[in-house]
Amino acid sequence: MRRSRRALVLATATAVIALPAAVGCSAVSKALDCVQTADAIASSVDDLGRAVSNATDNPAQADQALNDIDTNLSSLKNKTDNADLSKAVDNLNKAVGNVRSAIKNGDSTPDISPVKDAAKEVGKVCTP
């Protein structure tokens, strides 16, 4: 009986010690995912800038860059429960939607500065 009690105490202590480590790893993993996705978003925003400046030559390029940003934002939104990050992602989604609408309505050189600003905010929130 004493031996099983000791084993139970040891198992409980091990679990208590391991729990913060597991939670810590999860937080680190989420932060790394956030940084990687923010980096991918920044690359897509750069692509969007180049695409908009060359819109008359290749209008589909801007659409592809917007699609890439949308994909990265969906991935990021699904991985977070951080209110600040959710707000930054929502702002970037809105900015991307505005650029997409402008292009759809015939604007060959839409203002992408709100997209850049919102992407910077995502990057700031993701930076540990």
N, C-alpha and C. Protein backbone atom coordinates (compact mmCIF):
# COMPACT_ATOMS: atom_id res chain seq x y z
N MET A 1 0.83 -1.18 0.00
CA MET A 1 0.00 0.00 0.00
C MET A 1 0.87 1.25 0.00
N ARG A 2 1.91 1.21 0.81
CA ARG A 2 2.78 2.38 0.88
C ARG A 2 3.50 2.60 -0.45
N ARG A 3 3.86 1.53 -1.11
CA ARG A 3 4.57 1.63 -2.37
C ARG A 3 3.66 2.24 -3.44
N SER A 4 2.40 1.82 -3.51
CA SER A 4 1.49 2.36 -4.51
C SER A 4 1.18 3.83 -4.24
N ARG A 5 1.15 4.20 -2.97
CA ARG A 5 0.93 5.60 -2.61
C ARG A 5 2.11 6.45 -3.07
N ARG A 6 3.29 5.93 -2.84
CA ARG A 6 4.49 6.64 -3.27
C ARG A 6 4.51 6.78 -4.79
N ALA A 7 4.11 5.76 -5.50
CA ALA A 7 4.06 5.81 -6.96
C ALA A 7 3.02 6.84 -7.42
N LEU A 8 1.88 6.89 -6.72
CA LEU A 8 0.85 7.85 -7.06
C LEU A 8 1.35 9.28 -6.83
N VAL A 9 2.01 9.51 -5.71
CA VAL A 9 2.56 10.84 -5.41
C VAL A 9 3.61 11.21 -6.45
N LEU A 10 4.45 10.27 -6.80
CA LEU A 10 5.49 10.52 -7.80
C LEU A 10 4.87 10.83 -9.17
N ALA A 11 3.86 10.08 -9.54
CA ALA A 11 3.19 10.30 -10.83
C ALA A 11 2.50 11.65 -10.85
N THR A 12 1.87 12.02 -9.75
CA THR A 12 1.19 13.32 -9.66
C THR A 12 2.20 14.45 -9.74
N ALA A 13 3.29 14.32 -9.03
CA ALA A 13 4.33 15.36 -9.05
C ALA A 13 4.92 15.51 -10.45
N THR A 14 5.14 14.40 -11.11
CA THR A 14 5.67 14.43 -12.47
C THR A 14 4.70 15.15 -13.40
N ALA A 15 3.42 14.85 -13.26
CA ALA A 15 2.41 15.49 -14.10
C ALA A 15 2.35 16.99 -13.83
N VAL A 16 2.43 17.38 -12.57
CA VAL A 16 2.38 18.80 -12.22
C VAL A 16 3.59 19.54 -12.79
N ILE A 17 4.74 18.91 -12.74
CA ILE A 17 5.96 19.52 -13.28
C ILE A 17 5.90 19.57 -14.80
N ALA A 18 5.38 18.55 -15.43
CA ALA A 18 5.37 18.46 -16.89
C ALA A 18 4.32 19.39 -17.51
N LEU A 19 3.23 19.67 -16.82
CA LEU A 19 2.17 20.48 -17.38
C LEU A 19 2.63 21.87 -17.80
N PRO A 20 3.31 22.63 -16.93
CA PRO A 20 3.78 23.95 -17.39
C PRO A 20 4.74 23.85 -18.57
N ALA A 21 5.56 22.82 -18.59
CA ALA A 21 6.49 22.67 -19.71
C ALA A 21 5.72 22.43 -21.00
N ALA A 22 4.68 21.61 -20.94
CA ALA A 22 3.87 21.35 -22.13
C ALA A 22 3.14 22.61 -22.58
N VAL A 23 2.59 23.33 -21.64
CA VAL A 23 1.89 24.57 -21.96
C VAL A 23 2.88 25.57 -22.54
N GLY A 24 4.06 25.65 -21.97
CA GLY A 24 5.09 26.55 -22.47
C GLY A 24 5.48 26.21 -23.90
N CYS A 25 5.64 24.94 -24.20
CA CYS A 25 5.98 24.52 -25.56
C CYS A 25 4.87 24.89 -26.52
N SER A 26 3.64 24.72 -26.07
CA SER A 26 2.50 25.08 -26.91
C SER A 26 2.52 26.57 -27.23
N ALA A 27 2.80 27.38 -26.23
CA ALA A 27 2.86 28.83 -26.43
C ALA A 27 4.00 29.20 -27.38
N VAL A 28 5.13 28.55 -27.22
CA VAL A 28 6.27 28.80 -28.11
C VAL A 28 5.92 28.38 -29.53
N SER A 29 5.26 27.25 -29.66
CA SER A 29 4.87 26.76 -30.98
C SER A 29 3.89 27.73 -31.65
N LYS A 30 2.91 28.24 -30.88
CA LYS A 30 1.96 29.20 -31.43
C LYS A 30 2.68 30.49 -31.85
N ALA A 31 3.61 30.94 -31.03
CA ALA A 31 4.35 32.16 -31.35
C ALA A 31 5.17 31.97 -32.62
N LEU A 32 5.79 30.81 -32.76
CA LEU A 32 6.58 30.53 -33.95
C LEU A 32 5.68 30.47 -35.18
N ASP A 33 4.52 29.82 -35.05
CA ASP A 33 3.56 29.79 -36.16
C ASP A 33 3.16 31.21 -36.55
N CYS A 34 2.92 32.04 -35.55
CA CYS A 34 2.51 33.43 -35.79
C CYS A 34 3.59 34.18 -36.55
N VAL A 35 4.82 34.06 -36.10
CA VAL A 35 5.93 34.77 -36.75
C VAL A 35 6.11 34.27 -38.18
N GLN A 36 6.05 32.96 -38.38
CA GLN A 36 6.22 32.41 -39.73
C GLN A 36 5.10 32.87 -40.65
N THR A 37 3.87 32.88 -40.14
CA THR A 37 2.75 33.31 -40.96
C THR A 37 2.83 34.81 -41.24
N ALA A 38 3.22 35.59 -40.25
CA ALA A 38 3.39 37.04 -40.46
C ALA A 38 4.45 37.30 -41.52
N ASP A 39 5.50 36.50 -41.52
CA ASP A 39 6.54 36.63 -42.54
C ASP A 39 5.99 36.30 -43.92
N ALA A 40 5.18 35.25 -44.00
CA ALA A 40 4.57 34.88 -45.28
C ALA A 40 3.62 35.97 -45.76
N ILE A 41 2.89 36.58 -44.82
CA ILE A 41 1.99 37.68 -45.17
C ILE A 41 2.79 38.86 -45.71
N ALA A 42 3.89 39.17 -45.04
CA ALA A 42 4.75 40.28 -45.50
C ALA A 42 5.25 40.02 -46.91
N SER A 43 5.64 38.79 -47.20
CA SER A 43 6.09 38.45 -48.56
C SER A 43 4.96 38.62 -49.57
N SER A 44 3.76 38.20 -49.18
CA SER A 44 2.60 38.35 -50.07
C SER A 44 2.26 39.82 -50.30
N VAL A 45 2.41 40.64 -49.26
CA VAL A 45 2.17 42.08 -49.40
C VAL A 45 3.19 42.69 -50.35
N ASP A 46 4.44 42.25 -50.25
CA ASP A 46 5.47 42.72 -51.19
C ASP A 46 5.09 42.32 -52.62
N ASP A 47 4.63 41.06 -52.77
CA ASP A 47 4.19 40.59 -54.09
C ASP A 47 3.03 41.44 -54.60
N LEU A 48 2.11 41.79 -53.68
CA LEU A 48 0.98 42.62 -54.07
C LEU A 48 1.46 43.99 -54.55
N GLY A 49 2.42 44.57 -53.87
CA GLY A 49 2.97 45.86 -54.28
C GLY A 49 3.55 45.80 -55.68
N ARG A 50 4.32 44.74 -55.94
CA ARG A 50 4.89 44.58 -57.29
C ARG A 50 3.79 44.34 -58.32
N ALA A 51 2.80 43.55 -57.94
CA ALA A 51 1.71 43.23 -58.87
C ALA A 51 0.90 44.48 -59.22
N VAL A 52 0.64 45.32 -58.23
CA VAL A 52 -0.14 46.53 -58.47
C VAL A 52 0.64 47.48 -59.38
N SER A 53 1.95 47.56 -59.18
CA SER A 53 2.74 48.46 -60.03
C SER A 53 2.83 47.94 -61.46
N ASN A 54 2.60 46.63 -61.65
CA ASN A 54 2.62 46.03 -62.99
C ASN A 54 1.23 45.57 -63.42
N ALA A 55 0.19 46.14 -62.83
CA ALA A 55 -1.18 45.66 -63.06
C ALA A 55 -1.59 45.69 -64.52
N THR A 56 -1.12 46.67 -65.26
CA THR A 56 -1.51 46.73 -66.67
C THR A 56 -0.89 45.58 -67.46
N ASP A 57 0.27 45.10 -67.04
CA ASP A 57 0.92 43.99 -67.73
C ASP A 57 0.33 42.63 -67.32
N ASN A 58 -0.01 42.48 -66.04
CA ASN A 58 -0.49 41.18 -65.56
C ASN A 58 -1.47 41.37 -64.40
N PRO A 59 -2.73 41.63 -64.70
CA PRO A 59 -3.71 41.87 -63.64
C PRO A 59 -3.96 40.65 -62.75
N ALA A 60 -3.74 39.47 -63.25
CA ALA A 60 -3.96 38.25 -62.45
C ALA A 60 -2.94 38.13 -61.33
N GLN A 61 -1.80 38.77 -61.47
CA GLN A 61 -0.75 38.70 -60.46
C GLN A 61 -1.22 39.31 -59.14
N ALA A 62 -1.93 40.42 -59.20
CA ALA A 62 -2.46 41.05 -57.99
C ALA A 62 -3.48 40.16 -57.33
N ASP A 63 -4.33 39.54 -58.12
CA ASP A 63 -5.34 38.62 -57.57
C ASP A 63 -4.67 37.45 -56.86
N GLN A 64 -3.60 36.94 -57.44
CA GLN A 64 -2.89 35.82 -56.80
C GLN A 64 -2.25 36.26 -55.49
N ALA A 65 -1.67 37.45 -55.46
CA ALA A 65 -1.08 37.95 -54.21
C ALA A 65 -2.15 38.12 -53.14
N LEU A 66 -3.32 38.63 -53.52
CA LEU A 66 -4.43 38.78 -52.56
C LEU A 66 -4.90 37.41 -52.06
N ASN A 67 -4.95 36.43 -52.96
CA ASN A 67 -5.33 35.08 -52.55
C ASN A 67 -4.32 34.49 -51.57
N ASP A 68 -3.04 34.76 -51.81
CA ASP A 68 -1.99 34.27 -50.90
C ASP A 68 -2.15 34.89 -49.51
N ILE A 69 -2.45 36.18 -49.47
CA ILE A 69 -2.66 36.85 -48.18
C ILE A 69 -3.87 36.24 -47.48
N ASP A 70 -4.96 36.03 -48.23
CA ASP A 70 -6.16 35.42 -47.65
C ASP A 70 -5.86 34.05 -47.05
N THR A 71 -5.10 33.25 -47.77
CA THR A 71 -4.75 31.91 -47.29
C THR A 71 -3.96 31.99 -45.99
N ASN A 72 -2.97 32.87 -45.96
CA ASN A 72 -2.16 33.01 -44.76
C ASN A 72 -2.97 33.55 -43.59
N LEU A 73 -3.87 34.47 -43.86
CA LEU A 73 -4.71 35.02 -42.80
C LEU A 73 -5.64 33.97 -42.22
N SER A 74 -6.20 33.14 -43.09
CA SER A 74 -7.08 32.06 -42.60
C SER A 74 -6.31 31.12 -41.70
N SER A 75 -5.10 30.79 -42.11
CA SER A 75 -4.25 29.90 -41.31
C SER A 75 -3.95 30.53 -39.96
N LEU A 76 -3.60 31.80 -39.96
CA LEU A 76 -3.25 32.49 -38.73
C LEU A 76 -4.45 32.64 -37.82
N LYS A 77 -5.58 32.99 -38.37
CA LYS A 77 -6.79 33.19 -37.57
C LYS A 77 -7.21 31.89 -36.87
N ASN A 78 -7.02 30.76 -37.55
CA ASN A 78 -7.39 29.47 -36.98
C ASN A 78 -6.44 29.02 -35.88
N LYS A 79 -5.26 29.60 -35.81
CA LYS A 79 -4.25 29.16 -34.85
C LYS A 79 -4.17 30.05 -33.61
N THR A 80 -4.98 31.09 -33.53
CA THR A 80 -4.80 32.02 -32.43
C THR A 80 -6.06 32.21 -31.61
N ASP A 81 -5.83 32.54 -30.36
CA ASP A 81 -6.92 32.96 -29.49
C ASP A 81 -6.56 34.32 -28.87
N ASN A 82 -5.57 34.98 -29.46
CA ASN A 82 -5.10 36.27 -28.99
C ASN A 82 -6.00 37.37 -29.57
N ALA A 83 -6.62 38.15 -28.70
CA ALA A 83 -7.55 39.20 -29.14
C ALA A 83 -6.88 40.25 -30.01
N ASP A 84 -5.66 40.67 -29.65
CA ASP A 84 -4.96 41.68 -30.44
C ASP A 84 -4.64 41.16 -31.84
N LEU A 85 -4.22 39.90 -31.90
CA LEU A 85 -3.91 39.32 -33.20
C LEU A 85 -5.18 39.15 -34.03
N SER A 86 -6.25 38.74 -33.40
CA SER A 86 -7.52 38.59 -34.13
C SER A 86 -7.96 39.93 -34.72
N LYS A 87 -7.80 41.01 -33.95
CA LYS A 87 -8.17 42.34 -34.44
C LYS A 87 -7.27 42.75 -35.61
N ALA A 88 -5.97 42.49 -35.50
CA ALA A 88 -5.03 42.83 -36.57
C ALA A 88 -5.35 42.04 -37.84
N VAL A 89 -5.69 40.77 -37.67
CA VAL A 89 -6.06 39.93 -38.82
C VAL A 89 -7.35 40.45 -39.46
N ASP A 90 -8.33 40.82 -38.64
CA ASP A 90 -9.58 41.36 -39.17
C ASP A 90 -9.32 42.65 -39.95
N ASN A 91 -8.45 43.51 -39.43
CA ASN A 91 -8.11 44.75 -40.14
C ASN A 91 -7.43 44.47 -41.47
N LEU A 92 -6.56 43.49 -41.48
CA LEU A 92 -5.88 43.13 -42.72
C LEU A 92 -6.86 42.52 -43.71
N ASN A 93 -7.77 41.69 -43.22
CA ASN A 93 -8.81 41.13 -44.10
C ASN A 93 -9.63 42.23 -44.75
N LYS A 94 -10.00 43.23 -43.97
CA LYS A 94 -10.79 44.34 -44.50
C LYS A 94 -10.00 45.11 -45.56
N ALA A 95 -8.73 45.38 -45.28
CA ALA A 95 -7.89 46.11 -46.23
C ALA A 95 -7.73 45.31 -47.53
N VAL A 96 -7.53 44.01 -47.41
CA VAL A 96 -7.40 43.16 -48.60
C VAL A 96 -8.71 43.18 -49.39
N GLY A 97 -9.83 43.11 -48.69
CA GLY A 97 -11.13 43.16 -49.37
C GLY A 97 -11.33 44.47 -50.12
N ASN A 98 -10.88 45.57 -49.54
CA ASN A 98 -10.99 46.86 -50.20
C ASN A 98 -10.16 46.92 -51.47
N VAL A 99 -8.95 46.38 -51.41
CA VAL A 99 -8.10 46.36 -52.61
C VAL A 99 -8.72 45.45 -53.67
N ARG A 100 -9.22 44.30 -53.23
CA ARG A 100 -9.84 43.36 -54.17
C ARG A 100 -11.04 44.04 -54.87
N SER A 101 -11.86 44.76 -54.09
CA SER A 101 -13.02 45.47 -54.67
C SER A 101 -12.57 46.56 -55.64
N ALA A 102 -11.53 47.29 -55.27
CA ALA A 102 -11.03 48.36 -56.15
C ALA A 102 -10.57 47.77 -57.48
N ILE A 103 -9.85 46.67 -57.43
CA ILE A 103 -9.37 46.03 -58.67
C ILE A 103 -10.56 45.53 -59.49
N LYS A 104 -11.50 44.91 -58.81
CA LYS A 104 -12.70 44.39 -59.49
C LYS A 104 -13.47 45.52 -60.18
N ASN A 105 -13.45 46.71 -59.56
CA ASN A 105 -14.17 47.86 -60.11
C ASN A 105 -13.35 48.64 -61.13
N GLY A 106 -12.21 48.09 -61.54
CA GLY A 106 -11.44 48.69 -62.62
C GLY A 106 -10.27 49.56 -62.22
N ASP A 107 -10.00 49.68 -60.93
CA ASP A 107 -8.86 50.49 -60.48
C ASP A 107 -7.58 49.68 -60.71
N SER A 108 -6.78 50.11 -61.64
CA SER A 108 -5.56 49.35 -61.95
C SER A 108 -4.41 49.68 -61.01
N THR A 109 -4.56 50.74 -60.21
CA THR A 109 -3.52 51.10 -59.24
C THR A 109 -4.17 51.43 -57.89
N PRO A 110 -4.77 50.44 -57.24
CA PRO A 110 -5.42 50.71 -55.96
C PRO A 110 -4.41 51.07 -54.88
N ASP A 111 -4.88 51.80 -53.90
CA ASP A 111 -4.04 52.18 -52.76
C ASP A 111 -3.88 50.96 -51.86
N ILE A 112 -2.67 50.47 -51.76
CA ILE A 112 -2.43 49.29 -50.91
C ILE A 112 -1.79 49.66 -49.58
N SER A 113 -1.67 50.96 -49.30
CA SER A 113 -1.04 51.36 -48.04
C SER A 113 -1.81 50.82 -46.82
N PRO A 114 -3.16 50.75 -46.83
CA PRO A 114 -3.84 50.14 -45.68
C PRO A 114 -3.48 48.66 -45.49
N VAL A 115 -3.21 47.97 -46.60
CA VAL A 115 -2.79 46.56 -46.51
C VAL A 115 -1.42 46.49 -45.86
N LYS A 116 -0.52 47.36 -46.30
CA LYS A 116 0.83 47.38 -45.72
C LYS A 116 0.79 47.71 -44.23
N ASP A 117 -0.02 48.71 -43.88
CA ASP A 117 -0.13 49.10 -42.47
C ASP A 117 -0.69 47.97 -41.61
N ALA A 118 -1.73 47.32 -42.12
CA ALA A 118 -2.35 46.22 -41.36
C ALA A 118 -1.40 45.03 -41.24
N ALA A 119 -0.64 44.77 -42.30
CA ALA A 119 0.34 43.67 -42.26
C ALA A 119 1.44 43.97 -41.24
N LYS A 120 1.85 45.23 -41.15
CA LYS A 120 2.85 45.61 -40.14
C LYS A 120 2.30 45.38 -38.73
N GLU A 121 1.03 45.67 -38.55
CA GLU A 121 0.41 45.46 -37.24
C GLU A 121 0.37 43.98 -36.88
N VAL A 122 0.08 43.12 -37.85
CA VAL A 122 0.12 41.68 -37.61
C VAL A 122 1.54 41.27 -37.19
N GLY A 123 2.52 41.81 -37.90
CA GLY A 123 3.91 41.51 -37.57
C GLY A 123 4.28 41.96 -36.16
N LYS A 124 3.80 43.15 -35.77
CA LYS A 124 4.09 43.64 -34.41
C LYS A 124 3.46 42.74 -33.35
N VAL A 125 2.22 42.33 -33.58
CA VAL A 125 1.54 41.48 -32.61
C VAL A 125 2.21 40.13 -32.51
N CYS A 126 2.74 39.65 -33.61
CA CYS A 126 3.38 38.33 -33.62
C CYS A 126 4.79 38.33 -33.08
N THR A 127 5.40 39.49 -32.99
CA THR A 127 6.78 39.56 -32.51
C THR A 127 6.81 39.35 -30.99
N PRO A 128 7.57 38.33 -30.57
CA PRO A 128 7.62 38.04 -29.12
C PRO A 128 8.32 39.12 -28.33
